[in-house]
Amino acid sequence: DEGGDISEYTAKGGGGTDFNASYEYMKDNDIVPKTYINFTDLYPNGSFGDESYCETIFAACKHASKQDAPFGVTVRLAE
């Protein structure tokens, strides 16, 4: 937000992922990927997004929910 070096950024969590925001951005900017890869902990704030928009891969981190995403392909990343 302040233009600082990204290596100095501390990630924070706890609010759930708004998956719809990325789908809305792609639609608003005429972006139609062959495959959309979403790096996630699989804890949504609402829905997982637009199932019909494009092929989607959910790349789940080590702290991710044990359940798979309701559509697309869920891939578990190694530690």
PDB file of N, CA and C in Angstrom:
ATOM      1  N   ASP A   1       0.803  -1.196   0.000  1.00  0.00           N
ATOM      2  CA  ASP A   1       0.000   0.000   0.000  1.00  0.00           C
ATOM      3  C   ASP A   1       0.853   1.271   0.000  1.00  0.00           C
ATOM      4  N   GLU A   2       1.989   1.200   0.625  1.00  0.00           N
ATOM      5  CA  GLU A   2       2.817   2.392   0.773  1.00  0.00           C
ATOM      6  C   GLU A   2       4.023   2.394  -0.162  1.00  0.00           C
ATOM      7  N   GLY A   3       4.092   1.403  -1.062  1.00  0.00           N
ATOM      8  CA  GLY A   3       5.192   1.365  -2.025  1.00  0.00           C
ATOM      9  C   GLY A   3       6.475   0.801  -1.469  1.00  0.00           C
ATOM     10  N   GLY A   4       6.418   0.107  -0.330  1.00  0.00           N
ATOM     11  CA  GLY A   4       7.608  -0.468   0.268  1.00  0.00           C
ATOM     12  C   GLY A   4       8.051  -1.736  -0.434  1.00  0.00           C
ATOM     13  N   ASP A   5       9.200  -2.200  -0.074  1.00  0.00           N
ATOM     14  CA  ASP A   5       9.752  -3.439  -0.621  1.00  0.00           C
ATOM     15  C   ASP A   5       8.903  -4.615  -0.162  1.00  0.00           C
ATOM     16  N   ILE A   6       8.515  -5.471  -1.100  1.00  0.00           N
ATOM     17  CA  ILE A   6       7.626  -6.588  -0.757  1.00  0.00           C
ATOM     18  C   ILE A   6       8.281  -7.556   0.229  1.00  0.00           C
ATOM     19  N   SER A   7       9.611  -7.613   0.270  1.00  0.00           N
ATOM     20  CA  SER A   7      10.281  -8.505   1.212  1.00  0.00           C
ATOM     21  C   SER A   7      10.085  -8.033   2.655  1.00  0.00           C
ATOM     22  N   GLU A   8       9.630  -6.801   2.839  1.00  0.00           N
ATOM     23  CA  GLU A   8       9.382  -6.262   4.170  1.00  0.00           C
ATOM     24  C   GLU A   8       7.921  -6.426   4.584  1.00  0.00           C
ATOM     25  N   TYR A   9       7.108  -6.993   3.709  1.00  0.00           N
ATOM     26  CA  TYR A   9       5.673  -7.136   3.968  1.00  0.00           C
ATOM     27  C   TYR A   9       5.413  -8.351   4.844  1.00  0.00           C
ATOM     28  N   THR A  10       4.559  -8.188   5.837  1.00  0.00           N
ATOM     29  CA  THR A  10       4.162  -9.288   6.699  1.00  0.00           C
ATOM     30  C   THR A  10       2.729  -9.658   6.359  1.00  0.00           C
ATOM     31  N   ALA A  11       2.542 -10.885   5.887  1.00  0.00           N
ATOM     32  CA  ALA A  11       1.201 -11.340   5.528  1.00  0.00           C
ATOM     33  C   ALA A  11       0.372 -11.586   6.775  1.00  0.00           C
ATOM     34  N   LYS A  12      -0.910 -11.268   6.684  1.00  0.00           N
ATOM     35  CA  LYS A  12      -1.840 -11.488   7.788  1.00  0.00           C
ATOM     36  C   LYS A  12      -3.032 -12.253   7.251  1.00  0.00           C
ATOM     37  N   GLY A  13      -3.626 -13.058   8.063  1.00  0.00           N
ATOM     38  CA  GLY A  13      -4.800 -13.810   7.649  1.00  0.00           C
ATOM     39  C   GLY A  13      -5.911 -13.693   8.656  1.00  0.00           C
ATOM     40  N   GLY A  14      -6.950 -14.494   8.423  1.00  0.00           N
ATOM     41  CA  GLY A  14      -8.030 -14.546   9.375  1.00  0.00           C
ATOM     42  C   GLY A  14      -9.370 -14.058   8.861  1.00  0.00           C
ATOM     43  N   GLY A  15      -9.412 -13.545   7.634  1.00  0.00           N
ATOM     44  CA  GLY A  15     -10.673 -13.004   7.157  1.00  0.00           C
ATOM     45  C   GLY A  15     -11.362 -13.836   6.108  1.00  0.00           C
ATOM     46  N   GLY A  16     -10.720 -14.868   5.627  1.00  0.00           N
ATOM     47  CA  GLY A  16     -11.305 -15.651   4.544  1.00  0.00           C
ATOM     48  C   GLY A  16     -10.985 -15.005   3.204  1.00  0.00           C
ATOM     49  N   THR A  17     -10.850 -15.825   2.181  1.00  0.00           N
ATOM     50  CA  THR A  17     -10.500 -15.347   0.849  1.00  0.00           C
ATOM     51  C   THR A  17     -11.757 -14.971   0.068  1.00  0.00           C
ATOM     52  N   ASP A  18     -11.728 -13.804  -0.560  1.00  0.00           N
ATOM     53  CA  ASP A  18     -12.822 -13.387  -1.435  1.00  0.00           C
ATOM     54  C   ASP A  18     -12.477 -13.849  -2.847  1.00  0.00           C
ATOM     55  N   PHE A  19     -12.801 -15.095  -3.156  1.00  0.00           N
ATOM     56  CA  PHE A  19     -12.490 -15.660  -4.463  1.00  0.00           C
ATOM     57  C   PHE A  19     -13.207 -14.914  -5.585  1.00  0.00           C
ATOM     58  N   ASN A  20     -14.387 -14.383  -5.313  1.00  0.00           N
ATOM     59  CA  ASN A  20     -15.135 -13.670  -6.347  1.00  0.00           C
ATOM     60  C   ASN A  20     -14.392 -12.447  -6.866  1.00  0.00           C
ATOM     61  N   ALA A  21     -13.572 -11.825  -6.038  1.00  0.00           N
ATOM     62  CA  ALA A  21     -12.864 -10.611  -6.451  1.00  0.00           C
ATOM     63  C   ALA A  21     -11.964 -10.863  -7.661  1.00  0.00           C
ATOM     64  N   SER A  22     -11.261 -11.980  -7.695  1.00  0.00           N
ATOM     65  CA  SER A  22     -10.370 -12.245  -8.824  1.00  0.00           C
ATOM     66  C   SER A  22     -11.157 -12.559 -10.095  1.00  0.00           C
ATOM     67  N   TYR A  23     -12.264 -13.277  -9.955  1.00  0.00           N
ATOM     68  CA  TYR A  23     -13.095 -13.561 -11.123  1.00  0.00           C
ATOM     69  C   TYR A  23     -13.714 -12.270 -11.668  1.00  0.00           C
ATOM     70  N   GLU A  24     -14.169 -11.403 -10.789  1.00  0.00           N
ATOM     71  CA  GLU A  24     -14.734 -10.120 -11.208  1.00  0.00           C
ATOM     72  C   GLU A  24     -13.682  -9.274 -11.920  1.00  0.00           C
ATOM     73  N   TYR A  25     -12.456  -9.255 -11.398  1.00  0.00           N
ATOM     74  CA  TYR A  25     -11.371  -8.508 -12.027  1.00  0.00           C
ATOM     75  C   TYR A  25     -11.095  -9.036 -13.438  1.00  0.00           C
ATOM     76  N   MET A  26     -11.017 -10.346 -13.571  1.00  0.00           N
ATOM     77  CA  MET A  26     -10.762 -10.931 -14.892  1.00  0.00           C
ATOM     78  C   MET A  26     -11.879 -10.574 -15.867  1.00  0.00           C
ATOM     79  N   LYS A  27     -13.110 -10.673 -15.425  1.00  0.00           N
ATOM     80  CA  LYS A  27     -14.247 -10.345 -16.291  1.00  0.00           C
ATOM     81  C   LYS A  27     -14.239  -8.876 -16.682  1.00  0.00           C
ATOM     82  N   ASP A  28     -13.995  -7.996 -15.718  1.00  0.00           N
ATOM     83  CA  ASP A  28     -13.988  -6.551 -15.979  1.00  0.00           C
ATOM     84  C   ASP A  28     -12.878  -6.133 -16.929  1.00  0.00           C
ATOM     85  N   ASN A  29     -11.808  -6.911 -16.994  1.00  0.00           N
ATOM     86  CA  ASN A  29     -10.649  -6.569 -17.819  1.00  0.00           C
ATOM     87  C   ASN A  29     -10.466  -7.511 -19.006  1.00  0.00           C
ATOM     88  N   ASP A  30     -11.535  -8.215 -19.363  1.00  0.00           N
ATOM     89  CA  ASP A  30     -11.528  -9.118 -20.523  1.00  0.00           C
ATOM     90  C   ASP A  30     -10.369 -10.112 -20.494  1.00  0.00           C
ATOM     91  N   ILE A  31     -10.119 -10.667 -19.333  1.00  0.00           N
ATOM     92  CA  ILE A  31      -9.086 -11.685 -19.158  1.00  0.00           C
ATOM     93  C   ILE A  31      -9.778 -13.040 -19.060  1.00  0.00           C
ATOM     94  N   VAL A  32      -9.474 -13.921 -20.010  1.00  0.00           N
ATOM     95  CA  VAL A  32     -10.045 -15.268 -19.982  1.00  0.00           C
ATOM     96  C   VAL A  32      -8.877 -16.253 -20.067  1.00  0.00           C
ATOM     97  N   PRO A  33      -8.357 -16.674 -18.930  1.00  0.00           N
ATOM     98  CA  PRO A  33      -7.209 -17.577 -18.945  1.00  0.00           C
ATOM     99  C   PRO A  33      -7.599 -18.981 -19.388  1.00  0.00           C
ATOM    100  N   LYS A  34      -6.646 -19.688 -19.955  1.00  0.00           N
ATOM    101  CA  LYS A  34      -6.892 -21.104 -20.256  1.00  0.00           C
ATOM    102  C   LYS A  34      -7.069 -21.856 -18.949  1.00  0.00           C
ATOM    103  N   THR A  35      -6.205 -21.550 -17.980  1.00  0.00           N
ATOM    104  CA  THR A  35      -6.291 -22.136 -16.646  1.00  0.00           C
ATOM    105  C   THR A  35      -5.942 -21.062 -15.626  1.00  0.00           C
ATOM    106  N   TYR A  36      -6.764 -20.931 -14.629  1.00  0.00           N
ATOM    107  CA  TYR A  36      -6.540 -19.977 -13.546  1.00  0.00           C
ATOM    108  C   TYR A  36      -6.033 -20.756 -12.336  1.00  0.00           C
ATOM    109  N   ILE A  37      -4.840 -20.411 -11.848  1.00  0.00           N
ATOM    110  CA  ILE A  37      -4.267 -21.077 -10.678  1.00  0.00           C
ATOM    111  C   ILE A  37      -4.393 -20.140  -9.484  1.00  0.00           C
ATOM    112  N   ASN A  38      -5.084 -20.616  -8.467  1.00  0.00           N
ATOM    113  CA  ASN A  38      -5.354 -19.817  -7.291  1.00  0.00           C
ATOM    114  C   ASN A  38      -4.613 -20.432  -6.099  1.00  0.00           C
ATOM    115  N   PHE A  39      -3.644 -19.733  -5.565  1.00  0.00           N
ATOM    116  CA  PHE A  39      -2.911 -20.194  -4.383  1.00  0.00           C
ATOM    117  C   PHE A  39      -3.726 -19.801  -3.152  1.00  0.00           C
ATOM    118  N   THR A  40      -4.068 -20.782  -2.315  1.00  0.00           N
ATOM    119  CA  THR A  40      -5.066 -20.536  -1.289  1.00  0.00           C
ATOM    120  C   THR A  40      -4.925 -21.467  -0.093  1.00  0.00           C
ATOM    121  N   ASP A  41      -5.614 -21.084   0.985  1.00  0.00           N
ATOM    122  CA  ASP A  41      -5.741 -21.983   2.139  1.00  0.00           C
ATOM    123  C   ASP A  41      -7.115 -22.659   2.147  1.00  0.00           C
ATOM    124  N   LEU A  42      -7.900 -22.409   1.114  1.00  0.00           N
ATOM    125  CA  LEU A  42      -9.223 -23.026   0.925  1.00  0.00           C
ATOM    126  C   LEU A  42     -10.241 -22.631   1.999  1.00  0.00           C
ATOM    127  N   TYR A  43     -10.065 -21.450   2.571  1.00  0.00           N
ATOM    128  CA  TYR A  43     -11.046 -20.917   3.514  1.00  0.00           C
ATOM    129  C   TYR A  43     -11.691 -19.693   2.872  1.00  0.00           C
ATOM    130  N   PRO A  44     -12.842 -19.871   2.212  1.00  0.00           N
ATOM    131  CA  PRO A  44     -13.470 -18.757   1.504  1.00  0.00           C
ATOM    132  C   PRO A  44     -14.267 -17.836   2.419  1.00  0.00           C
ATOM    133  N   ASN A  45     -14.394 -16.607   1.980  1.00  0.00           N
ATOM    134  CA  ASN A  45     -15.323 -15.661   2.583  1.00  0.00           C
ATOM    135  C   ASN A  45     -16.505 -15.611   1.624  1.00  0.00           C
ATOM    136  N   GLY A  46     -17.386 -16.587   1.727  1.00  0.00           N
ATOM    137  CA  GLY A  46     -18.486 -16.712   0.773  1.00  0.00           C
ATOM    138  C   GLY A  46     -18.226 -17.889  -0.145  1.00  0.00           C
ATOM    139  N   SER A  47     -18.348 -17.662  -1.447  1.00  0.00           N
ATOM    140  CA  SER A  47     -18.196 -18.757  -2.408  1.00  0.00           C
ATOM    141  C   SER A  47     -16.758 -18.879  -2.905  1.00  0.00           C
ATOM    142  N   PHE A  48     -16.521 -19.913  -3.686  1.00  0.00           N
ATOM    143  CA  PHE A  48     -15.210 -20.131  -4.290  1.00  0.00           C
ATOM    144  C   PHE A  48     -15.082 -19.448  -5.650  1.00  0.00           C
ATOM    145  N   GLY A  49     -16.067 -18.699  -6.070  1.00  0.00           N
ATOM    146  CA  GLY A  49     -15.980 -17.979  -7.325  1.00  0.00           C
ATOM    147  C   GLY A  49     -16.873 -18.565  -8.400  1.00  0.00           C
ATOM    148  N   ASP A  50     -16.567 -18.224  -9.639  1.00  0.00           N
ATOM    149  CA  ASP A  50     -17.402 -18.571 -10.788  1.00  0.00           C
ATOM    150  C   ASP A  50     -16.925 -19.864 -11.439  1.00  0.00           C
ATOM    151  N   GLU A  51     -17.566 -20.937 -11.110  1.00  0.00           N
ATOM    152  CA  GLU A  51     -17.199 -22.268 -11.598  1.00  0.00           C
ATOM    153  C   GLU A  51     -17.190 -22.352 -13.118  1.00  0.00           C
ATOM    154  N   SER A  52     -18.052 -21.615 -13.775  1.00  0.00           N
ATOM    155  CA  SER A  52     -18.196 -21.730 -15.231  1.00  0.00           C
ATOM    156  C   SER A  52     -17.274 -20.804 -16.018  1.00  0.00           C
ATOM    157  N   TYR A  53     -16.500 -19.923 -15.357  1.00  0.00           N
ATOM    158  CA  TYR A  53     -15.715 -18.926 -16.084  1.00  0.00           C
ATOM    159  C   TYR A  53     -14.508 -19.504 -16.815  1.00  0.00           C
ATOM    160  N   CYS A  54     -13.751 -20.334 -16.136  1.00  0.00           N
ATOM    161  CA  CYS A  54     -12.559 -20.917 -16.751  1.00  0.00           C
ATOM    162  C   CYS A  54     -12.116 -22.125 -15.927  1.00  0.00           C
ATOM    163  N   GLU A  55     -11.235 -22.920 -16.523  1.00  0.00           N
ATOM    164  CA  GLU A  55     -10.656 -24.045 -15.787  1.00  0.00           C
ATOM    165  C   GLU A  55      -9.873 -23.480 -14.610  1.00  0.00           C
ATOM    166  N   THR A  56     -10.049 -24.078 -13.438  1.00  0.00           N
ATOM    167  CA  THR A  56      -9.428 -23.534 -12.226  1.00  0.00           C
ATOM    168  C   THR A  56      -8.688 -24.619 -11.466  1.00  0.00           C
ATOM    169  N   ILE A  57      -7.495 -24.256 -11.011  1.00  0.00           N
ATOM    170  CA  ILE A  57      -6.717 -25.107 -10.115  1.00  0.00           C
ATOM    171  C   ILE A  57      -6.562 -24.352  -8.800  1.00  0.00           C
ATOM    172  N   PHE A  58      -6.913 -25.007  -7.712  1.00  0.00           N
ATOM    173  CA  PHE A  58      -6.725 -24.443  -6.379  1.00  0.00           C
ATOM    174  C   PHE A  58      -5.476 -25.096  -5.789  1.00  0.00           C
ATOM    175  N   ALA A  59      -4.398 -24.330  -5.665  1.00  0.00           N
ATOM    176  CA  ALA A  59      -3.142 -24.822  -5.107  1.00  0.00           C
ATOM    177  C   ALA A  59      -3.166 -24.530  -3.606  1.00  0.00           C
ATOM    178  N   ALA A  60      -3.369 -25.577  -2.816  1.00  0.00           N
ATOM    179  CA  ALA A  60      -3.602 -25.429  -1.390  1.00  0.00           C
ATOM    180  C   ALA A  60      -2.303 -25.507  -0.591  1.00  0.00           C
ATOM    181  N   CYS A  61      -2.101 -24.529   0.291  1.00  0.00           N
ATOM    182  CA  CYS A  61      -0.908 -24.488   1.133  1.00  0.00           C
ATOM    183  C   CYS A  61      -0.997 -25.538   2.241  1.00  0.00           C
ATOM    184  N   LYS A  62       0.077 -25.688   2.983  1.00  0.00           N
ATOM    185  CA  LYS A  62       0.136 -26.733   4.009  1.00  0.00           C
ATOM    186  C   LYS A  62      -0.863 -26.529   5.143  1.00  0.00           C
ATOM    187  N   HIS A  63      -1.332 -25.311   5.352  1.00  0.00           N
ATOM    188  CA  HIS A  63      -2.283 -25.035   6.426  1.00  0.00           C
ATOM    189  C   HIS A  63      -3.720 -24.996   5.912  1.00  0.00           C
ATOM    190  N   ALA A  64      -3.941 -25.499   4.719  1.00  0.00           N
ATOM    191  CA  ALA A  64      -5.254 -25.417   4.075  1.00  0.00           C
ATOM    192  C   ALA A  64      -6.279 -26.335   4.729  1.00  0.00           C
ATOM    193  N   SER A  65      -7.526 -25.997   4.465  1.00  0.00           N
ATOM    194  CA  SER A  65      -8.636 -26.860   4.864  1.00  0.00           C
ATOM    195  C   SER A  65      -8.408 -28.248   4.287  1.00  0.00           C
ATOM    196  N   LYS A  66      -8.872 -29.253   4.975  1.00  0.00           N
ATOM    197  CA  LYS A  66      -8.715 -30.637   4.500  1.00  0.00           C
ATOM    198  C   LYS A  66      -9.696 -30.967   3.373  1.00  0.00           C
ATOM    199  N   GLN A  67     -10.735 -30.154   3.204  1.00  0.00           N
ATOM    200  CA  GLN A  67     -11.702 -30.381   2.139  1.00  0.00           C
ATOM    201  C   GLN A  67     -11.197 -29.780   0.833  1.00  0.00           C
ATOM    202  N   ASP A  68     -11.574 -30.406  -0.281  1.00  0.00           N
ATOM    203  CA  ASP A  68     -11.230 -29.875  -1.592  1.00  0.00           C
ATOM    204  C   ASP A  68     -12.195 -28.765  -1.974  1.00  0.00           C
ATOM    205  N   ALA A  69     -11.775 -27.929  -2.925  1.00  0.00           N
ATOM    206  CA  ALA A  69     -12.661 -26.910  -3.472  1.00  0.00           C
ATOM    207  C   ALA A  69     -13.843 -27.604  -4.148  1.00  0.00           C
ATOM    208  N   PRO A  70     -15.001 -26.948  -4.211  1.00  0.00           N
ATOM    209  CA  PRO A  70     -16.187 -27.593  -4.758  1.00  0.00           C
ATOM    210  C   PRO A  70     -16.182 -27.763  -6.282  1.00  0.00           C
ATOM    211  N   PHE A  71     -15.206 -27.181  -6.958  1.00  0.00           N
ATOM    212  CA  PHE A  71     -15.063 -27.352  -8.406  1.00  0.00           C
ATOM    213  C   PHE A  71     -13.596 -27.213  -8.766  1.00  0.00           C
ATOM    214  N   GLY A  72     -13.293 -27.475 -10.010  1.00  0.00           N
ATOM    215  CA  GLY A  72     -11.911 -27.399 -10.451  1.00  0.00           C
ATOM    216  C   GLY A  72     -11.087 -28.544  -9.873  1.00  0.00           C
ATOM    217  N   VAL A  73      -9.788 -28.337  -9.862  1.00  0.00           N
ATOM    218  CA  VAL A  73      -8.851 -29.331  -9.340  1.00  0.00           C
ATOM    219  C   VAL A  73      -8.170 -28.745  -8.110  1.00  0.00           C
ATOM    220  N   THR A  74      -8.158 -29.489  -7.014  1.00  0.00           N
ATOM    221  CA  THR A  74      -7.440 -29.069  -5.817  1.00  0.00           C
ATOM    222  C   THR A  74      -6.123 -29.821  -5.751  1.00  0.00           C
ATOM    223  N   VAL A  75      -5.034 -29.076  -5.653  1.00  0.00           N
ATOM    224  CA  VAL A  75      -3.687 -29.656  -5.578  1.00  0.00           C
ATOM    225  C   VAL A  75      -3.108 -29.264  -4.221  1.00  0.00           C
ATOM    226  N   ARG A  76      -2.594 -30.240  -3.505  1.00  0.00           N
ATOM    227  CA  ARG A  76      -1.969 -29.989  -2.204  1.00  0.00           C
ATOM    228  C   ARG A  76      -0.484 -29.746  -2.405  1.00  0.00           C
ATOM    229  N   LEU A  77       0.015 -28.584  -2.000  1.00  0.00           N
ATOM    230  CA  LEU A  77       1.421 -28.250  -2.151  1.00  0.00           C
ATOM    231  C   LEU A  77       2.237 -28.921  -1.049  1.00  0.00           C
ATOM    232  N   ALA A  78       3.401 -29.385  -1.398  1.00  0.00           N
ATOM    233  CA  ALA A  78       4.300 -30.003  -0.418  1.00  0.00           C
ATOM    234  C   ALA A  78       4.905 -28.905   0.450  1.00  0.00           C
ATOM    235  N   GLU A  79       5.303 -29.285   1.626  1.00  0.00           N
ATOM    236  CA  GLU A  79       5.930 -28.306   2.535  1.00  0.00           C
ATOM    237  C   GLU A  79       7.290 -27.903   2.048  1.00  0.00           C
TER     238      GLU A  79
END
